[in-house]
Protein backbone atom coordinates (compact mmCIF):
# COMPACT_ATOMS: atom_id res chain seq x y z
CA UNK A 1 0.00 0.00 0.00
CA UNK A 2 1.19 3.45 -0.85
CA UNK A 3 1.29 6.22 1.56
CA UNK A 4 0.00 9.56 0.45
CA UNK A 5 1.61 12.57 2.05
CA UNK A 6 -0.66 15.02 3.71
CA UNK A 7 -0.10 18.51 4.97
CA UNK A 8 0.45 17.10 8.41
CA UNK A 9 3.33 14.95 7.19
CA UNK A 10 5.35 17.94 5.94
CA UNK A 11 7.70 19.57 8.40
CA UNK A 12 7.57 23.28 7.55
CA UNK A 13 10.58 24.11 9.68
CA UNK A 14 12.81 21.81 7.67
CA UNK A 15 11.56 23.33 4.38
CA UNK A 16 12.42 26.81 5.54
CA UNK A 17 15.79 25.58 6.70
CA UNK A 18 16.48 23.84 3.40
CA UNK A 19 15.49 26.94 1.42
CA UNK A 20 17.68 29.04 3.65
CA UNK A 21 20.44 26.46 3.37
CA UNK A 22 20.00 26.48 -0.41
CA UNK A 23 20.18 30.27 -0.48
CA UNK A 24 23.20 30.21 1.86
CA UNK A 25 24.84 27.60 -0.33
CA UNK A 26 24.35 29.76 -3.44
CA UNK A 27 25.73 32.81 -1.67
CA UNK A 28 28.58 30.77 -0.17
CA UNK A 29 29.31 29.35 -3.61
CA UNK A 30 29.34 32.88 -5.04
CA UNK A 31 31.72 34.01 -2.29
CA UNK A 32 33.93 30.98 -2.89
CA UNK A 33 34.06 31.75 -6.63
CA UNK A 34 35.04 35.37 -5.86
CA UNK A 35 37.66 34.17 -3.40
CA UNK A 36 38.95 31.68 -6.00
CA UNK A 37 39.23 34.47 -8.59
CA UNK A 38 41.11 36.62 -6.07
CA UNK A 39 43.42 33.71 -5.20
CA UNK A 40 44.10 33.09 -8.90
CA UNK A 41 44.88 36.78 -9.40
CA UNK A 42 47.17 36.75 -6.35
CA UNK A 43 48.85 33.58 -7.59
CA UNK A 44 49.47 35.17 -11.00
CA UNK A 45 50.84 38.30 -9.34
CA UNK A 46 53.15 36.25 -7.07
CA UNK A 47 54.27 34.05 -9.98
CA UNK A 48 55.03 37.09 -12.15
CA UNK A 49 56.90 38.75 -9.28
CA UNK A 50 58.86 35.58 -8.56
CA UNK A 51 59.77 35.15 -12.24
CA UNK A 52 60.85 38.80 -12.45
CA UNK A 53 62.93 38.45 -9.27
CA UNK A 54 64.51 35.25 -10.62
CA UNK A 55 65.37 36.99 -13.93
CA UNK A 56 66.78 39.97 -12.01
CA UNK A 57 68.94 37.62 -9.95
CA UNK A 58 70.23 35.84 -13.08
CA UNK A 59 71.01 39.19 -14.71
CA UNK A 60 72.73 40.44 -11.55
CA UNK A 61 74.89 37.31 -11.45
CA UNK A 62 75.82 37.81 -15.12
CA UNK A 63 76.70 41.45 -14.43
CA UNK A 64 78.76 40.40 -11.40
CA UNK A 65 80.64 37.81 -13.47
CA UNK A 66 81.31 40.39 -16.22
CA UNK A 67 82.45 42.95 -13.61
CA UNK A 68 84.66 40.35 -11.95
CA UNK A 69 86.20 39.40 -15.32
CA UNK A 70 86.81 43.09 -16.08
CA UNK A 71 88.33 43.59 -12.63
CA UNK A 72 90.65 40.62 -13.09
CA UNK A 73 91.74 41.99 -16.48
CA UNK A 74 92.97 45.20 -14.90
CA UNK A 75 93.76 44.03 -11.36
CA UNK A 76 97.37 43.50 -12.32
CA UNK A 77 97.65 46.86 -14.08
CA UNK A 78 99.96 48.39 -11.47
CA UNK A 79 102.18 45.31 -11.42
CA UNK A 80 102.38 45.21 -15.22
CA UNK A 81 103.14 48.94 -15.33
CA UNK A 82 105.93 48.49 -12.81
CA UNK A 83 107.48 45.71 -14.94
CA UNK A 84 107.58 47.76 -18.15
CA UNK A 85 110.83 49.56 -17.13
CA UNK A 86 112.39 46.12 -16.47
CA UNK A 87 111.38 45.02 -19.96
CA UNK A 88 112.82 48.22 -21.40
CA UNK A 89 116.07 47.68 -19.48
CA UNK A 90 116.45 44.32 -21.21
CA UNK A 91 115.84 45.99 -24.59
CA UNK A 92 118.35 48.73 -23.77
CA UNK A 93 120.99 46.23 -22.63
CA UNK A 94 120.58 44.24 -25.84
CA UNK A 95 120.35 47.24 -28.17
CA UNK A 96 124.12 47.79 -28.26
CA UNK A 97 124.89 44.85 -30.56
CA UNK A 98 128.67 45.29 -30.41
CA UNK A 99 128.79 45.19 -26.61
CA UNK A 100 126.17 42.44 -26.45
CA UNK A 101 128.17 40.19 -28.79
CA UNK A 102 131.26 40.52 -26.52
CA UNK A 103 129.38 39.06 -23.53
CA UNK A 104 129.85 35.32 -22.78
CA UNK A 105 127.45 33.34 -24.98
CA UNK A 106 126.03 31.20 -22.14
CA UNK A 107 125.28 34.29 -20.06
CA UNK A 108 123.74 36.04 -23.09
CA UNK A 109 121.49 33.03 -23.84
CA UNK A 110 120.37 32.96 -20.19
CA UNK A 111 119.52 36.65 -20.17
CA UNK A 112 117.65 36.33 -23.49
CA UNK A 113 115.69 33.41 -22.03
CA UNK A 114 114.75 35.47 -18.95
CA UNK A 115 113.67 38.34 -21.22
CA UNK A 116 111.53 35.95 -23.29
CA UNK A 117 109.90 34.61 -20.11
CA UNK A 118 109.12 38.14 -18.93
CA UNK A 119 107.66 39.11 -22.31
CA UNK A 120 105.51 35.95 -22.38
CA UNK A 121 104.22 36.50 -18.85
CA UNK A 122 103.31 40.11 -19.64
CA UNK A 123 101.68 39.09 -22.92
CA UNK A 124 99.66 36.43 -21.07
CA UNK A 125 98.49 39.19 -18.71
CA UNK A 126 97.27 41.14 -21.78
CA UNK A 127 100.18 43.52 -22.40
CA UNK A 128 100.70 44.51 -26.03
CA UNK A 129 103.64 46.53 -27.30
CA UNK A 130 102.74 49.50 -29.52
CA UNK A 131 105.48 50.21 -32.04
CA UNK A 132 104.00 52.36 -34.86
CA UNK A 133 107.21 52.78 -36.90
CA UNK A 134 106.34 53.63 -40.52
CA UNK A 135 102.67 54.28 -39.77
CA UNK A 136 100.89 57.62 -40.15
CA UNK A 137 101.05 59.74 -36.99
CA UNK A 138 97.85 59.48 -34.96
CA UNK A 139 97.54 62.14 -32.26
CA UNK A 140 95.02 59.95 -30.43
CA UNK A 141 97.51 57.09 -30.14
CA UNK A 142 100.99 58.62 -30.39
CA UNK A 143 102.93 61.29 -28.54
CA UNK A 144 105.13 63.42 -30.82
CA UNK A 145 108.55 63.85 -29.26
CA UNK A 146 109.97 65.67 -32.25
CA UNK A 147 109.18 66.69 -35.83
CA UNK A 148 112.04 65.94 -38.22
CA UNK A 149 112.42 67.12 -41.81
CA UNK A 150 112.02 64.41 -44.49
CA UNK A 151 113.01 64.50 -48.15
CA UNK A 152 110.01 62.59 -49.55
CA UNK A 153 106.47 63.93 -49.53
CA UNK A 154 105.22 60.35 -48.96
CA UNK A 155 106.93 60.42 -45.52
CA UNK A 156 105.04 63.54 -44.42
CA UNK A 157 103.25 62.86 -41.10
CA UNK A 158 104.75 59.35 -41.00
CA UNK A 159 106.51 58.02 -37.91
CA UNK A 160 110.21 57.85 -38.80
CA UNK A 161 111.51 56.74 -35.38
CA UNK A 162 110.12 55.43 -32.11
CA UNK A 163 111.83 57.07 -29.14
CA UNK A 164 109.90 55.03 -26.57
CA UNK A 165 107.51 52.14 -27.22
CA UNK A 166 103.93 52.41 -26.10
CA UNK A 167 101.92 49.74 -24.30
CA UNK A 168 98.30 48.61 -24.03
CA UNK A 169 96.85 46.31 -21.40
CA UNK A 170 93.80 44.37 -22.57
CA UNK A 171 93.01 47.11 -25.09
CA UNK A 172 93.46 49.96 -22.59
CA UNK A 173 96.26 52.44 -23.28
CA UNK A 174 98.89 52.31 -20.53
CA UNK A 175 101.42 54.52 -22.22
CA UNK A 176 101.48 56.14 -25.68
CA UNK A 177 104.51 55.60 -27.87
CA UNK A 178 106.84 58.62 -28.10
CA UNK A 179 107.73 59.12 -31.73
CA UNK A 180 109.58 61.29 -34.22
CA UNK A 181 107.26 62.46 -36.98
CA UNK A 182 108.38 63.24 -40.51
CA UNK A 183 107.61 66.73 -41.79
CA UNK A 184 107.97 67.46 -45.48
CA UNK A 185 108.70 71.04 -46.51
CA UNK A 186 109.08 72.16 -50.11
């Protein structure tokens, strides 16, 4: 037998509660959706900020490495500069061929070997000798010690002698070469 529900069977309090619960659920669901949207926006903001901070850190490390490499390039600048006169003393000692040939051969070979070692060490540190003999005078690179008359017009403003060699360290000018510049006059 089937039971037919009557008005007496219905609990009105529970209906009101279920309607209220249903309304509360809809409003709670709406609030949860808004909160979820806000959380997603916050997450995107935090993710973007984190990615930017990570990229900034990577770039800062790269800059630090480049700065460190540049520092190392020129950290020995004072030492290299102080060794240039020693290198020039070797050149001066060996420039007088007649006197140099009179020195004992074994001693001469030893001194030449020491000079070669010094030159190699300085070259490994980035030192380059600037010897512009025969080139056109460049006031940005060279220091004119003297202007000397020349017979040929083609030698006008050409470097005819190097009084003192110049040096660069890793592309940076340490000392300009002192030169004699040819000057043609008709």
